[in-house]
Protein backbone atom coordinates (compact mmCIF):
# COMPACT_ATOMS: atom_id res chain seq x y z
CA MET A 1 -16.49 -0.15 23.89
CA LYS A 2 -17.95 -3.12 25.72
CA ILE A 3 -20.33 -5.97 24.86
CA THR A 4 -21.80 -8.40 27.38
CA LEU A 5 -22.95 -11.78 26.06
CA GLU A 6 -25.30 -14.03 28.02
CA GLN A 7 -26.65 -17.48 27.25
CA VAL A 8 -30.46 -17.41 26.99
CA ASN A 9 -31.17 -21.17 27.03
CA ASP A 10 -29.29 -24.44 27.36
CA LYS A 11 -28.38 -24.39 23.65
CA VAL A 12 -26.61 -21.70 21.59
CA HIS A 13 -29.11 -18.86 21.92
CA PHE A 14 -27.22 -15.81 23.21
CA ARG A 15 -28.06 -12.16 23.79
CA ALA A 16 -25.42 -9.48 23.33
CA ARG A 17 -25.91 -6.12 25.04
CA ASP A 18 -23.92 -2.94 24.58
CA GLU A 19 -23.29 -0.16 27.12
CA GLN A 20 -26.46 1.65 26.00
CA GLY A 21 -28.67 -1.41 26.48
CA ALA A 22 -29.18 -2.24 22.79
CA THR A 23 -29.40 -5.99 22.20
CA VAL A 24 -28.82 -8.51 19.44
CA GLU A 25 -30.00 -12.12 19.59
CA PHE A 26 -27.67 -14.85 18.29
CA ASP A 27 -28.55 -18.48 17.61
CA GLY A 28 -27.55 -21.43 15.49
CA ALA A 29 -29.49 -22.44 12.39
CA ALA A 30 -32.88 -24.01 13.07
CA GLY A 31 -32.75 -27.77 12.85
CA THR A 32 -29.10 -28.07 13.87
CA GLU A 33 -28.10 -29.91 17.04
CA LEU A 34 -28.08 -26.83 19.29
CA GLY A 35 -29.65 -24.16 17.07
CA GLU A 36 -33.25 -23.03 17.02
CA GLY A 37 -33.05 -20.11 14.57
CA ARG A 38 -34.12 -17.56 17.20
CA GLY A 39 -31.41 -15.07 16.33
CA ILE A 40 -28.86 -14.10 13.76
CA ARG A 41 -25.87 -16.36 13.22
CA PRO A 42 -22.46 -14.85 14.06
CA MET A 43 -21.07 -14.70 10.51
CA HIS A 44 -24.33 -13.17 9.28
CA ALA A 45 -23.91 -10.56 12.01
CA VAL A 46 -20.46 -9.71 10.63
CA LEU A 47 -21.94 -9.13 7.17
CA SER A 48 -24.75 -7.07 8.72
CA ALA A 49 -22.17 -4.97 10.54
CA MET A 50 -20.32 -4.35 7.29
CA ALA A 51 -23.54 -3.26 5.57
CA ALA A 52 -24.54 -0.98 8.43
CA CYS A 53 -21.07 0.52 8.78
CA SER A 54 -20.78 1.48 5.12
CA ALA A 55 -24.45 2.55 4.97
CA PHE A 56 -24.01 4.93 7.94
CA ASP A 57 -21.18 6.67 6.14
CA LEU A 58 -22.97 6.68 2.79
CA VAL A 59 -26.15 8.24 4.20
CA MET A 60 -24.12 10.90 6.00
CA MET A 61 -22.12 11.77 2.86
CA LEU A 62 -25.22 11.87 0.67
CA LYS A 63 -26.89 14.26 3.12
CA LYS A 64 -23.79 16.49 3.22
CA SER A 65 -23.76 16.47 -0.59
CA ARG A 66 -27.44 17.47 -0.59
CA GLN A 67 -28.45 14.36 -2.49
CA PRO A 68 -32.17 13.60 -1.93
CA LEU A 69 -31.94 10.04 -0.63
CA GLU A 70 -35.36 8.60 0.16
CA LYS A 71 -34.33 5.09 1.18
CA LEU A 72 -31.26 2.87 1.21
CA GLU A 73 -31.14 -0.91 0.98
CA ALA A 74 -28.04 -3.10 0.92
CA VAL A 75 -27.63 -6.73 -0.06
CA VAL A 76 -24.43 -8.49 1.00
CA GLU A 77 -23.41 -11.82 -0.50
CA ALA A 78 -20.37 -13.75 0.63
CA GLU A 79 -18.37 -16.91 0.10
CA ARG A 80 -16.31 -18.61 2.77
CA VAL A 81 -13.25 -20.83 2.54
CA GLU A 82 -13.74 -24.57 3.00
CA ASP A 83 -11.28 -24.94 5.90
CA ILE A 84 -11.85 -24.20 9.57
CA PRO A 85 -11.92 -21.39 10.53
CA ALA A 86 -14.21 -20.71 7.57
CA VAL A 87 -13.34 -17.05 7.04
CA PHE A 88 -14.82 -15.03 4.20
CA LYS A 89 -12.94 -15.15 0.92
CA ARG A 90 -15.26 -12.96 -1.19
CA ILE A 91 -17.85 -10.39 -0.17
CA HIS A 92 -19.98 -8.22 -2.45
CA ILE A 93 -22.19 -5.41 -1.19
CA HIS A 94 -24.81 -3.93 -3.49
CA PHE A 95 -26.64 -0.73 -2.55
CA ARG A 96 -30.10 0.10 -3.85
CA LEU A 97 -30.56 3.83 -3.40
CA HIS A 98 -33.98 5.41 -3.86
CA GLY A 99 -34.19 9.05 -4.88
CA GLN A 100 -33.26 11.57 -7.53
CA LEU A 101 -29.50 11.11 -7.08
CA ASP A 102 -26.63 12.21 -9.28
CA GLU A 103 -25.03 9.01 -10.70
CA LYS A 104 -21.39 10.19 -10.76
CA ARG A 105 -21.47 11.73 -7.30
CA THR A 106 -23.23 8.68 -5.89
CA ALA A 107 -20.65 6.32 -7.43
CA ARG A 108 -17.85 8.28 -5.77
CA LEU A 109 -19.60 8.32 -2.40
CA VAL A 110 -20.41 4.58 -2.52
CA HIS A 111 -16.74 3.85 -3.24
CA MET A 112 -15.60 6.11 -0.39
CA SER A 113 -18.09 4.64 2.09
CA VAL A 114 -16.92 1.09 1.40
CA GLN A 115 -13.23 1.47 0.60
CA GLN A 116 -12.16 4.44 2.73
CA TYR A 117 -14.41 4.91 5.75
CA CYS A 118 -15.90 1.58 6.83
CA SER A 119 -13.88 0.09 9.71
CA VAL A 120 -15.55 -3.30 9.30
CA VAL A 121 -14.45 -3.48 5.66
CA ALA A 122 -10.92 -2.50 6.71
CA MET A 123 -10.82 -5.57 8.98
CA LEU A 124 -12.49 -7.97 6.56
CA GLU A 125 -10.35 -7.05 3.57
CA LYS A 126 -7.38 -8.68 5.32
CA THR A 127 -8.81 -12.08 4.31
CA ALA A 128 -11.56 -11.36 1.76
CA GLU A 129 -11.84 -9.74 -1.64
CA ILE A 130 -14.47 -7.05 -1.19
CA THR A 131 -16.40 -5.58 -4.10
CA HIS A 132 -19.31 -3.19 -4.27
CA GLY A 133 -21.96 -1.91 -6.62
CA PHE A 134 -25.06 0.22 -6.58
CA GLU A 135 -28.18 1.14 -8.45
CA ILE A 136 -30.34 4.23 -8.24
CA VAL A 137 -34.08 3.70 -8.19
CA GLN A 138 -35.88 6.83 -9.30
CA GLU A 139 -39.56 6.31 -8.72
CA THR A 140 -41.84 8.29 -10.94
CA PRO A 141 -44.68 10.15 -9.23
CA ALA A 142 -48.13 8.54 -9.73
């Protein structure tokens, strides 16, 4: 695994590229001394990685369980410690799953995706309390 990071301007706008050529733009918050808001901030990227990691596993397990998932959304909220480095102290991920899903099976799979399979969670839980929840949205046909 390899990431190459390059500075895009004379401030803190960076582009990360993986071996396959996929890119992510990083920047500081708009209005800060060196930030222009042209990319995701690093700690936001960590939370995004946690959401994606657990969502990958959840989608795969739902498909294997023949659960008719139509769409998945995740919202991650976090709190950081006051001191520097300002690591996360609490993180909550909430999944919104669209489809005619079995509640008990889905609860088990959400738990497994977050607590057993997600490598990002495994790293973050060394410093942060991580919780999760979910809701099933069953749209009624028009």
